Protein backbone atom coordinates (compact mmCIF):
# COMPACT_ATOMS: atom_id res chain seq x y z
CA MET A 1 5.93 11.35 5.86
CA LYS A 2 5.66 7.58 6.08
CA ILE A 3 4.27 4.65 4.16
CA ALA A 4 2.90 1.41 5.62
CA ILE A 5 3.21 -1.91 3.84
CA THR A 6 1.16 -4.97 4.75
CA VAL A 7 3.42 -7.99 5.28
CA TRP A 8 2.92 -11.75 5.38
CA ASN A 9 5.91 -14.12 5.17
CA GLY A 10 8.15 -11.46 3.59
CA ARG A 11 5.62 -10.64 0.87
CA ILE A 12 2.82 -8.13 0.52
CA ALA A 13 -0.12 -9.50 2.51
CA PRO A 14 -2.93 -10.54 0.12
CA LEU A 15 -5.71 -8.64 1.97
CA PHE A 16 -5.33 -5.43 3.98
CA ASP A 17 -8.50 -6.07 6.00
CA VAL A 18 -7.01 -9.07 7.84
CA ALA A 19 -3.30 -8.19 7.71
CA LYS A 20 -1.64 -8.68 11.08
CA GLN A 21 1.65 -6.87 10.38
CA LEU A 22 2.53 -3.59 8.72
CA LEU A 23 5.98 -2.14 8.21
CA ILE A 24 6.20 1.62 8.70
CA VAL A 25 8.80 3.06 6.32
CA GLU A 26 10.20 6.59 6.30
CA ARG A 27 9.70 8.02 2.79
CA GLU A 28 12.89 10.03 2.51
CA SER A 29 15.39 7.43 3.69
CA VAL A 30 13.34 4.34 2.66
CA ARG A 31 14.19 2.65 5.94
CA VAL A 32 11.90 0.58 8.13
CA GLU A 33 11.09 2.68 11.16
CA THR A 34 8.82 0.32 13.06
CA THR A 35 6.41 -2.58 12.73
CA LEU A 36 2.74 -2.39 13.69
CA GLU A 37 1.13 -5.60 14.92
CA PHE A 38 -2.64 -5.85 14.57
CA SER A 39 -4.76 -8.39 16.39
CA ASP A 40 -8.43 -7.63 17.08
CA GLU A 41 -8.53 -3.89 16.41
CA SER A 42 -11.59 -2.45 14.72
CA LEU A 43 -11.32 -0.61 11.43
CA SER A 44 -11.42 2.77 13.15
CA GLN A 45 -8.73 1.68 15.64
CA LYS A 46 -6.46 0.54 12.79
CA VAL A 47 -6.90 3.83 10.96
CA GLU A 48 -6.22 5.76 14.19
CA LEU A 49 -2.98 3.80 14.74
CA LEU A 50 -1.86 4.59 11.21
CA VAL A 51 -2.67 8.29 11.58
CA ARG A 52 -0.96 8.44 14.98
CA ASN A 53 2.17 6.91 13.40
CA GLY A 54 2.21 9.55 10.64
CA VAL A 55 1.36 7.17 7.78
CA THR A 56 0.35 8.98 4.59
CA THR A 57 0.35 6.04 2.15
CA ILE A 58 -0.61 2.35 2.38
CA ILE A 59 0.75 -0.30 0.00
CA CYS A 60 -1.27 -3.49 0.17
CA GLY A 61 -2.75 -6.40 -1.73
CA GLY A 62 -6.53 -6.50 -1.97
CA ILE A 63 -8.66 -4.21 0.17
CA SER A 64 -12.40 -3.98 0.75
CA ARG A 65 -14.28 -0.85 -0.22
CA GLU A 66 -15.09 -0.16 3.45
CA TYR A 67 -11.43 -0.20 4.51
CA GLU A 68 -10.29 1.79 1.49
CA GLU A 69 -12.90 4.49 2.09
CA GLU A 70 -11.93 4.83 5.77
CA LEU A 71 -8.26 5.22 4.82
CA LEU A 72 -9.10 7.76 2.12
CA ASN A 73 -11.30 9.68 4.57
CA ALA A 74 -8.26 9.89 6.87
CA ASN A 75 -6.26 11.35 3.94
CA ILE A 76 -4.16 8.19 3.56
CA GLU A 77 -3.31 7.35 -0.05
CA VAL A 78 -4.02 3.70 -0.94
CA ILE A 79 -1.88 1.74 -3.42
CA SER A 80 -3.70 -1.57 -3.67
CA TYR A 81 -3.63 -4.83 -5.62
CA VAL A 82 0.16 -4.98 -5.22
CA ALA A 83 1.94 -8.35 -5.02
CA GLY A 84 5.53 -9.41 -4.50
CA ASP A 85 8.39 -9.55 -2.05
CA VAL A 86 8.43 -6.61 0.34
CA VAL A 87 12.03 -5.73 -0.55
CA ASP A 88 11.20 -5.66 -4.29
CA ILE A 89 8.07 -3.58 -3.71
CA LEU A 90 9.94 -1.09 -1.52
CA GLU A 91 12.57 -0.71 -4.23
CA ALA A 92 9.89 -0.28 -6.91
CA TRP A 93 8.07 2.28 -4.78
CA HIS A 94 11.32 4.21 -4.22
CA ARG A 95 11.97 4.20 -8.00
CA GLY A 96 8.38 5.34 -8.64
CA VAL A 97 7.39 2.24 -10.61
CA VAL A 98 5.28 0.32 -8.07
CA ASN A 99 2.14 1.01 -10.14
CA GLN A 100 3.40 -1.11 -13.03
CA ARG A 101 1.71 -4.33 -14.09
CA CYS A 102 4.63 -6.52 -13.03
CA TYR A 103 3.88 -5.61 -9.39
CA SER A 104 0.15 -6.33 -9.56
CA MET A 105 -1.80 -9.17 -8.01
CA PRO A 106 -2.61 -12.04 -10.40
CA GLY A 107 -5.57 -11.15 -12.58
CA CYS A 108 -5.13 -7.39 -12.14
CA MET A 109 -3.95 -5.12 -14.92
CA ARG A 110 -1.82 -3.05 -12.53
CA PRO A 111 -1.87 -1.74 -8.97
CA ARG A 112 -4.48 0.91 -8.23
CA VAL A 113 -3.57 4.24 -6.64
CA ARG A 114 -6.30 6.23 -4.89
CA CYS A 115 -6.21 9.35 -2.76
CA ARG A 116 -8.55 12.17 -1.90
CA GLY A 117 -8.21 14.92 -4.45
CA ARG A 118 -10.42 17.77 -5.51
CA GLY A 119 -14.04 16.98 -4.77
CA GLY A 120 -13.07 13.95 -2.66
CA ARG A 121 -12.58 11.72 -5.67
CA GLY A 122 -9.77 9.21 -5.95
CA ARG A 123 -7.19 9.45 -8.69
CA GLY A 124 -7.92 5.97 -9.95
CA LEU A 125 -5.31 4.19 -12.06
CA HIS A 126 -2.23 5.91 -13.32
CA GLY A 127 1.26 5.09 -14.47
CA ARG A 128 2.92 3.15 -17.24
CA GLY A 129 3.25 -0.53 -17.99
CA CYS A 130 6.41 -2.48 -17.15
CA PHE A 131 9.58 -1.84 -19.05
CA ASP A 132 11.35 -4.96 -20.30
CA ASN A 133 14.05 -4.69 -17.65
CA ASP A 134 11.39 -4.35 -14.90
CA ILE A 135 9.40 -7.48 -15.75
CA LYS A 136 9.49 -9.93 -12.86
CA ASP A 137 6.88 -12.47 -14.07
């Protein structure tokens, strides 16, 4: 199982829809396996590339409803409205705290986690707020 993280200048790319680079990370070892480079691919081509590479979760900044729905329809979990350095976000994800407010985009209460569950509905928000030692503001 793998996650993909949108990247721009060493940080989480601010918008999945136009992200040009994604790191593919192996969940168990938390090591970068490969990098996907996007150029002019359509939405369906991007989703197909992610599925073909075994991606089960996306971590990104903002994302349009259209892109999010296509990813969810492909059974790819979406953790969106995340901001920060890629290394910090990978560490937070590995510790299970990436959904805390300190890792959210400015103006957002916390990252949003959505996946297809029973009845095709997303999970919506979940998780706890930042602990004092996790605050990176």
